[in-house]
């Protein structure tokens, strides 16, 4: 059991750790903030650094962590 508040950012196109394995993580990490980043693979911090940095900054400030999304033009944006 992980009691520490935890932020987990996960790429929906990860070929190694597919998002389907994320079922039920809250049973092991009750204070979990999970954010999926569409169109990003295994190395989220390298593939979408501005998205990950915005998420991490918000989480560290105690703010609502934005969802990672991509616009139609392929640019990253937030909801």
PDB file of N, CA and C in Angstrom:
ATOM      1  N   UNK A   1       0.850  -1.183   0.000  1.00  0.00           N
ATOM      2  CA  UNK A   1       0.000   0.000   0.000  1.00  0.00           C
ATOM      3  C   UNK A   1       0.891   1.239   0.000  1.00  0.00           C
ATOM      4  N   UNK A   2       0.601   2.159  -0.906  1.00  0.00           N
ATOM      5  CA  UNK A   2       1.322   3.431  -0.981  1.00  0.00           C
ATOM      6  C   UNK A   2       0.419   4.503  -0.389  1.00  0.00           C
ATOM      7  N   UNK A   3       0.811   5.068   0.729  1.00  0.00           N
ATOM      8  CA  UNK A   3       0.008   6.076   1.422  1.00  0.00           C
ATOM      9  C   UNK A   3       0.314   7.497   0.966  1.00  0.00           C
ATOM     10  N   UNK A   4       1.430   7.707   0.306  1.00  0.00           N
ATOM     11  CA  UNK A   4       1.866   9.025  -0.126  1.00  0.00           C
ATOM     12  C   UNK A   4       1.014   9.513  -1.298  1.00  0.00           C
ATOM     13  N   UNK A   5       0.590  10.784  -1.294  1.00  0.00           N
ATOM     14  CA  UNK A   5      -0.112  11.312  -2.458  1.00  0.00           C
ATOM     15  C   UNK A   5       0.743  11.097  -3.711  1.00  0.00           C
ATOM     16  N   UNK A   6       0.110  10.615  -4.765  1.00  0.00           N
ATOM     17  CA  UNK A   6       0.845  10.202  -5.966  1.00  0.00           C
ATOM     18  C   UNK A   6       0.168  10.730  -7.223  1.00  0.00           C
ATOM     19  N   UNK A   7       0.989  11.284  -8.129  1.00  0.00           N
ATOM     20  CA  UNK A   7       0.522  11.695  -9.450  1.00  0.00           C
ATOM     21  C   UNK A   7       1.075  10.693 -10.450  1.00  0.00           C
ATOM     22  N   UNK A   8       0.197  10.159 -11.291  1.00  0.00           N
ATOM     23  CA  UNK A   8       0.595   9.204 -12.319  1.00  0.00           C
ATOM     24  C   UNK A   8       0.113   9.717 -13.667  1.00  0.00           C
ATOM     25  N   UNK A   9       1.059  10.031 -14.551  1.00  0.00           N
ATOM     26  CA  UNK A   9       0.712  10.427 -15.918  1.00  0.00           C
ATOM     27  C   UNK A   9       1.062   9.250 -16.823  1.00  0.00           C
ATOM     28  N   UNK A  10       0.151   8.950 -17.749  1.00  0.00           N
ATOM     29  CA  UNK A  10       0.261   7.716 -18.532  1.00  0.00           C
ATOM     30  C   UNK A  10      -0.124   7.985 -19.970  1.00  0.00           C
ATOM     31  N   UNK A  11       0.706   7.586 -20.905  1.00  0.00           N
ATOM     32  CA  UNK A  11       0.402   7.750 -22.327  1.00  0.00           C
ATOM     33  C   UNK A  11      -0.541   6.670 -22.818  1.00  0.00           C
ATOM     34  N   UNK A  12      -1.580   7.081 -23.515  1.00  0.00           N
ATOM     35  CA  UNK A  12      -2.571   6.108 -23.994  1.00  0.00           C
ATOM     36  C   UNK A  12      -2.034   5.227 -25.111  1.00  0.00           C
ATOM     37  N   UNK A  13      -0.937   5.634 -25.737  1.00  0.00           N
ATOM     38  CA  UNK A  13      -0.351   4.845 -26.823  1.00  0.00           C
ATOM     39  C   UNK A  13       0.896   4.095 -26.370  1.00  0.00           C
ATOM     40  N   UNK A  14       1.036   3.886 -25.076  1.00  0.00           N
ATOM     41  CA  UNK A  14       2.190   3.173 -24.538  1.00  0.00           C
ATOM     42  C   UNK A  14       2.148   1.718 -24.991  1.00  0.00           C
ATOM     43  N   UNK A  15       3.136   1.263 -25.789  1.00  0.00           N
ATOM     44  CA  UNK A  15       3.129  -0.115 -26.256  1.00  0.00           C
ATOM     45  C   UNK A  15       3.650  -1.098 -25.218  1.00  0.00           C
ATOM     46  N   UNK A  16       4.282  -0.584 -24.169  1.00  0.00           N
ATOM     47  CA  UNK A  16       4.876  -1.435 -23.145  1.00  0.00           C
ATOM     48  C   UNK A  16       3.913  -1.632 -21.972  1.00  0.00           C
ATOM     49  N   UNK A  17       3.461  -0.532 -21.414  1.00  0.00           N
ATOM     50  CA  UNK A  17       2.528  -0.560 -20.289  1.00  0.00           C
ATOM     51  C   UNK A  17       1.181  -0.052 -20.773  1.00  0.00           C
ATOM     52  N   UNK A  18       0.411  -0.928 -21.354  1.00  0.00           N
ATOM     53  CA  UNK A  18      -0.874  -0.543 -21.942  1.00  0.00           C
ATOM     54  C   UNK A  18      -1.827  -0.042 -20.863  1.00  0.00           C
ATOM     55  N   UNK A  19      -2.641   0.970 -21.172  1.00  0.00           N
ATOM     56  CA  UNK A  19      -3.543   1.550 -20.168  1.00  0.00           C
ATOM     57  C   UNK A  19      -4.503   0.552 -19.525  1.00  0.00           C
ATOM     58  N   UNK A  20      -4.791  -0.540 -20.193  1.00  0.00           N
ATOM     59  CA  UNK A  20      -5.722  -1.530 -19.624  1.00  0.00           C
ATOM     60  C   UNK A  20      -5.227  -2.120 -18.310  1.00  0.00           C
ATOM     61  N   UNK A  21      -3.928  -2.049 -18.033  1.00  0.00           N
ATOM     62  CA  UNK A  21      -3.423  -2.598 -16.768  1.00  0.00           C
ATOM     63  C   UNK A  21      -3.676  -1.662 -15.591  1.00  0.00           C
ATOM     64  N   UNK A  22      -4.277  -0.506 -15.857  1.00  0.00           N
ATOM     65  CA  UNK A  22      -4.551   0.473 -14.804  1.00  0.00           C
ATOM     66  C   UNK A  22      -5.824   0.209 -14.019  1.00  0.00           C
ATOM     67  N   UNK A  23      -6.482  -0.880 -14.245  1.00  0.00           N
ATOM     68  CA  UNK A  23      -7.733  -1.155 -13.535  1.00  0.00           C
ATOM     69  C   UNK A  23      -7.482  -1.377 -12.050  1.00  0.00           C
ATOM     70  N   UNK A  24      -8.104  -0.543 -11.227  1.00  0.00           N
ATOM     71  CA  UNK A  24      -8.068  -0.720  -9.787  1.00  0.00           C
ATOM     72  C   UNK A  24      -6.829  -0.262  -9.044  1.00  0.00           C
ATOM     73  N   UNK A  25      -6.038   0.734  -9.527  1.00  0.00           N
ATOM     74  CA  UNK A  25      -4.840   1.129  -8.781  1.00  0.00           C
ATOM     75  C   UNK A  25      -5.157   1.780  -7.438  1.00  0.00           C
ATOM     76  N   UNK A  26      -6.386   2.337  -7.317  1.00  0.00           N
ATOM     77  CA  UNK A  26      -6.737   3.022  -6.066  1.00  0.00           C
ATOM     78  C   UNK A  26      -6.779   2.071  -4.873  1.00  0.00           C
ATOM     79  N   UNK A  27      -6.887   0.771  -5.113  1.00  0.00           N
ATOM     80  CA  UNK A  27      -6.840  -0.163  -3.982  1.00  0.00           C
ATOM     81  C   UNK A  27      -5.437  -0.235  -3.380  1.00  0.00           C
ATOM     82  N   UNK A  28      -4.421   0.099  -4.173  1.00  0.00           N
ATOM     83  CA  UNK A  28      -3.034   0.075  -3.692  1.00  0.00           C
ATOM     84  C   UNK A  28      -2.495   1.472  -3.423  1.00  0.00           C
ATOM     85  N   UNK A  29      -3.100   2.476  -4.068  1.00  0.00           N
ATOM     86  CA  UNK A  29      -2.676   3.868  -3.912  1.00  0.00           C
ATOM     87  C   UNK A  29      -3.937   4.709  -3.717  1.00  0.00           C
ATOM     88  N   UNK A  30      -4.435   4.794  -2.483  1.00  0.00           N
ATOM     89  CA  UNK A  30      -5.716   5.470  -2.261  1.00  0.00           C
ATOM     90  C   UNK A  30      -5.708   6.965  -2.555  1.00  0.00           C
ATOM     91  N   UNK A  31      -4.557   7.621  -2.483  1.00  0.00           N
ATOM     92  CA  UNK A  31      -4.476   9.058  -2.739  1.00  0.00           C
ATOM     93  C   UNK A  31      -3.812   9.285  -4.104  1.00  0.00           C
ATOM     94  N   UNK A  32      -4.406   8.691  -5.154  1.00  0.00           N
ATOM     95  CA  UNK A  32      -3.848   8.716  -6.501  1.00  0.00           C
ATOM     96  C   UNK A  32      -4.556   9.738  -7.381  1.00  0.00           C
ATOM     97  N   UNK A  33      -3.759  10.514  -8.108  1.00  0.00           N
ATOM     98  CA  UNK A  33      -4.260  11.363  -9.170  1.00  0.00           C
ATOM     99  C   UNK A  33      -3.727  10.760 -10.460  1.00  0.00           C
ATOM    100  N   UNK A  34      -4.613  10.246 -11.299  1.00  0.00           N
ATOM    101  CA  UNK A  34      -4.237   9.587 -12.549  1.00  0.00           C
ATOM    102  C   UNK A  34      -4.658  10.451 -13.725  1.00  0.00           C
ATOM    103  N   UNK A  35      -3.728  10.707 -14.620  1.00  0.00           N
ATOM    104  CA  UNK A  35      -4.023  11.478 -15.822  1.00  0.00           C
ATOM    105  C   UNK A  35      -3.477  10.728 -17.030  1.00  0.00           C
ATOM    106  N   UNK A  36      -4.374  10.449 -17.983  1.00  0.00           N
ATOM    107  CA  UNK A  36      -3.990   9.827 -19.245  1.00  0.00           C
ATOM    108  C   UNK A  36      -3.706  10.922 -20.264  1.00  0.00           C
ATOM    109  N   UNK A  37      -2.679  10.710 -21.069  1.00  0.00           N
ATOM    110  CA  UNK A  37      -2.318  11.677 -22.100  1.00  0.00           C
ATOM    111  C   UNK A  37      -2.523  11.006 -23.452  1.00  0.00           C
ATOM    112  N   UNK A  38      -3.573  11.386 -24.173  1.00  0.00           N
ATOM    113  CA  UNK A  38      -3.878  10.764 -25.465  1.00  0.00           C
ATOM    114  C   UNK A  38      -2.773  10.994 -26.499  1.00  0.00           C
ATOM    115  N   UNK A  39      -2.528   9.965 -27.300  1.00  0.00           N
ATOM    116  CA  UNK A  39      -1.585  10.084 -28.397  1.00  0.00           C
ATOM    117  C   UNK A  39      -0.127  10.079 -28.007  1.00  0.00           C
ATOM    118  N   UNK A  40       0.162   9.764 -26.753  1.00  0.00           N
ATOM    119  CA  UNK A  40       1.534   9.775 -26.249  1.00  0.00           C
ATOM    120  C   UNK A  40       1.899   8.354 -25.836  1.00  0.00           C
ATOM    121  N   UNK A  41       3.160   7.993 -26.056  1.00  0.00           N
ATOM    122  CA  UNK A  41       3.615   6.647 -25.755  1.00  0.00           C
ATOM    123  C   UNK A  41       4.211   6.492 -24.360  1.00  0.00           C
ATOM    124  N   UNK A  42       5.272   5.707 -24.273  1.00  0.00           N
ATOM    125  CA  UNK A  42       5.861   5.310 -22.993  1.00  0.00           C
ATOM    126  C   UNK A  42       6.616   6.442 -22.286  1.00  0.00           C
ATOM    127  N   UNK A  43       7.249   7.324 -23.035  1.00  0.00           N
ATOM    128  CA  UNK A  43       8.077   8.376 -22.433  1.00  0.00           C
ATOM    129  C   UNK A  43       7.314   9.698 -22.408  1.00  0.00           C
ATOM    130  N   UNK A  44       6.293   9.783 -21.580  1.00  0.00           N
ATOM    131  CA  UNK A  44       5.401  10.956 -21.580  1.00  0.00           C
ATOM    132  C   UNK A  44       6.153  12.258 -21.333  1.00  0.00           C
ATOM    133  N   UNK A  45       7.136  12.241 -20.468  1.00  0.00           N
ATOM    134  CA  UNK A  45       7.867  13.469 -20.141  1.00  0.00           C
ATOM    135  C   UNK A  45       8.707  13.959 -21.312  1.00  0.00           C
ATOM    136  N   UNK A  46       9.088  13.078 -22.230  1.00  0.00           N
ATOM    137  CA  UNK A  46       9.845  13.498 -23.408  1.00  0.00           C
ATOM    138  C   UNK A  46       8.933  13.787 -24.596  1.00  0.00           C
ATOM    139  N   UNK A  47       7.842  13.055 -24.710  1.00  0.00           N
ATOM    140  CA  UNK A  47       6.933  13.222 -25.837  1.00  0.00           C
ATOM    141  C   UNK A  47       5.983  14.407 -25.660  1.00  0.00           C
ATOM    142  N   UNK A  48       5.656  14.730 -24.427  1.00  0.00           N
ATOM    143  CA  UNK A  48       4.732  15.833 -24.146  1.00  0.00           C
ATOM    144  C   UNK A  48       5.183  16.597 -22.901  1.00  0.00           C
ATOM    145  N   UNK A  49       6.387  17.177 -22.948  1.00  0.00           N
ATOM    146  CA  UNK A  49       6.923  17.818 -21.738  1.00  0.00           C
ATOM    147  C   UNK A  49       6.058  18.953 -21.209  1.00  0.00           C
ATOM    148  N   UNK A  50       5.441  19.754 -22.098  1.00  0.00           N
ATOM    149  CA  UNK A  50       4.629  20.874 -21.612  1.00  0.00           C
ATOM    150  C   UNK A  50       3.368  20.373 -20.921  1.00  0.00           C
ATOM    151  N   UNK A  51       2.827  19.252 -21.365  1.00  0.00           N
ATOM    152  CA  UNK A  51       1.645  18.674 -20.730  1.00  0.00           C
ATOM    153  C   UNK A  51       2.018  18.125 -19.355  1.00  0.00           C
ATOM    154  N   UNK A  52       3.080  17.357 -19.303  1.00  0.00           N
ATOM    155  CA  UNK A  52       3.522  16.759 -18.040  1.00  0.00           C
ATOM    156  C   UNK A  52       3.925  17.843 -17.045  1.00  0.00           C
ATOM    157  N   UNK A  53       4.653  18.856 -17.495  1.00  0.00           N
ATOM    158  CA  UNK A  53       5.066  19.943 -16.598  1.00  0.00           C
ATOM    159  C   UNK A  53       3.874  20.707 -16.031  1.00  0.00           C
ATOM    160  N   UNK A  54       2.865  20.947 -16.851  1.00  0.00           N
ATOM    161  CA  UNK A  54       1.669  21.634 -16.365  1.00  0.00           C
ATOM    162  C   UNK A  54       0.936  20.776 -15.327  1.00  0.00           C
ATOM    163  N   UNK A  55       0.861  19.479 -15.593  1.00  0.00           N
ATOM    164  CA  UNK A  55       0.223  18.571 -14.641  1.00  0.00           C
ATOM    165  C   UNK A  55       0.988  18.550 -13.324  1.00  0.00           C
ATOM    166  N   UNK A  56       2.300  18.393 -13.417  1.00  0.00           N
ATOM    167  CA  UNK A  56       3.132  18.316 -12.218  1.00  0.00           C
ATOM    168  C   UNK A  56       3.092  19.620 -11.429  1.00  0.00           C
ATOM    169  N   UNK A  57       3.161  20.749 -12.130  1.00  0.00           N
ATOM    170  CA  UNK A  57       3.096  22.041 -11.448  1.00  0.00           C
ATOM    171  C   UNK A  57       1.793  22.225 -10.691  1.00  0.00           C
ATOM    172  N   UNK A  58       0.689  21.899 -11.333  1.00  0.00           N
ATOM    173  CA  UNK A  58      -0.619  22.014 -10.673  1.00  0.00           C
ATOM    174  C   UNK A  58      -0.697  21.092  -9.469  1.00  0.00           C
ATOM    175  N   UNK A  59      -0.236  19.868  -9.637  1.00  0.00           N
ATOM    176  CA  UNK A  59      -0.293  18.884  -8.545  1.00  0.00           C
ATOM    177  C   UNK A  59       0.537  19.353  -7.347  1.00  0.00           C
ATOM    178  N   UNK A  60       1.733  19.868  -7.616  1.00  0.00           N
ATOM    179  CA  UNK A  60       2.599  20.336  -6.528  1.00  0.00           C
ATOM    180  C   UNK A  60       2.034  21.566  -5.821  1.00  0.00           C
ATOM    181  N   UNK A  61       1.271  22.389  -6.562  1.00  0.00           N
ATOM    182  CA  UNK A  61       0.646  23.570  -5.947  1.00  0.00           C
ATOM    183  C   UNK A  61      -0.675  23.243  -5.258  1.00  0.00           C
ATOM    184  N   UNK A  62      -1.120  21.999  -5.353  1.00  0.00           N
ATOM    185  CA  UNK A  62      -2.379  21.607  -4.737  1.00  0.00           C
ATOM    186  C   UNK A  62      -3.590  22.007  -5.550  1.00  0.00           C
ATOM    187  N   UNK A  63      -3.394  22.285  -6.832  1.00  0.00           N
ATOM    188  CA  UNK A  63      -4.482  22.678  -7.724  1.00  0.00           C
ATOM    189  C   UNK A  63      -5.045  21.446  -8.429  1.00  0.00           C
ATOM    190  N   UNK A  64      -6.163  21.650  -9.107  1.00  0.00           N
ATOM    191  CA  UNK A  64      -6.733  20.572  -9.917  1.00  0.00           C
ATOM    192  C   UNK A  64      -5.783  20.306 -11.072  1.00  0.00           C
ATOM    193  N   UNK A  65      -5.423  19.053 -11.244  1.00  0.00           N
ATOM    194  CA  UNK A  65      -4.497  18.672 -12.311  1.00  0.00           C
ATOM    195  C   UNK A  65      -5.269  18.574 -13.622  1.00  0.00           C
ATOM    196  N   UNK A  66      -4.827  19.317 -14.659  1.00  0.00           N
ATOM    197  CA  UNK A  66      -5.552  19.290 -15.929  1.00  0.00           C
ATOM    198  C   UNK A  66      -5.440  17.932 -16.616  1.00  0.00           C
ATOM    199  N   UNK A  67      -6.439  17.629 -17.415  1.00  0.00           N
ATOM    200  CA  UNK A  67      -6.402  16.438 -18.253  1.00  0.00           C
ATOM    201  C   UNK A  67      -5.544  16.767 -19.472  1.00  0.00           C
ATOM    202  N   UNK A  68      -4.751  15.823 -19.927  1.00  0.00           N
ATOM    203  CA  UNK A  68      -3.957  16.040 -21.130  1.00  0.00           C
ATOM    204  C   UNK A  68      -4.765  15.700 -22.356  1.00  0.00           C
ATOM    205  N   UNK A  69      -4.824  16.609 -23.316  1.00  0.00           N
ATOM    206  CA  UNK A  69      -5.552  16.366 -24.561  1.00  0.00           C
ATOM    207  C   UNK A  69      -4.738  16.903 -25.721  1.00  0.00           C
ATOM    208  N   UNK A  70      -5.162  16.543 -26.937  1.00  0.00           N
ATOM    209  CA  UNK A  70      -4.545  17.079 -28.145  1.00  0.00           C
ATOM    210  C   UNK A  70      -5.626  17.754 -28.961  1.00  0.00           C
ATOM    211  N   UNK A  71      -5.285  18.875 -29.555  1.00  0.00           N
ATOM    212  CA  UNK A  71      -6.240  19.543 -30.428  1.00  0.00           C
ATOM    213  C   UNK A  71      -6.272  18.832 -31.777  1.00  0.00           C
ATOM    214  N   UNK A  72      -7.193  19.223 -32.637  1.00  0.00           N
ATOM    215  CA  UNK A  72      -7.310  18.611 -33.965  1.00  0.00           C
ATOM    216  C   UNK A  72      -6.038  18.816 -34.779  1.00  0.00           C
ATOM    217  N   UNK A  73      -5.344  19.905 -34.543  1.00  0.00           N
ATOM    218  CA  UNK A  73      -4.120  20.186 -35.292  1.00  0.00           C
ATOM    219  C   UNK A  73      -2.936  19.403 -34.754  1.00  0.00           C
ATOM    220  N   UNK A  74      -3.157  18.627 -33.696  1.00  0.00           N
ATOM    221  CA  UNK A  74      -2.081  17.838 -33.123  1.00  0.00           C
ATOM    222  C   UNK A  74      -1.315  18.564 -32.035  1.00  0.00           C
ATOM    223  N   UNK A  75      -1.682  19.818 -31.760  1.00  0.00           N
ATOM    224  CA  UNK A  75      -1.027  20.553 -30.695  1.00  0.00           C
ATOM    225  C   UNK A  75      -1.633  20.117 -29.365  1.00  0.00           C
ATOM    226  N   UNK A  76      -0.840  20.149 -28.341  1.00  0.00           N
ATOM    227  CA  UNK A  76      -1.330  19.737 -27.028  1.00  0.00           C
ATOM    228  C   UNK A  76      -2.059  20.890 -26.367  1.00  0.00           C
ATOM    229  N   UNK A  77      -3.124  20.563 -25.675  1.00  0.00           N
ATOM    230  CA  UNK A  77      -3.917  21.568 -24.966  1.00  0.00           C
ATOM    231  C   UNK A  77      -4.448  20.934 -23.696  1.00  0.00           C
ATOM    232  N   UNK A  78      -5.181  21.679 -22.925  1.00  0.00           N
ATOM    233  CA  UNK A  78      -5.732  21.175 -21.676  1.00  0.00           C
ATOM    234  C   UNK A  78      -7.223  21.422 -21.618  1.00  0.00           C
ATOM    235  N   UNK A  79      -7.925  20.556 -20.891  1.00  0.00           N
ATOM    236  CA  UNK A  79      -9.347  20.744 -20.631  1.00  0.00           C
ATOM    237  C   UNK A  79      -9.498  21.552 -19.372  1.00  0.00           C
TER     238      UNK A  79
END
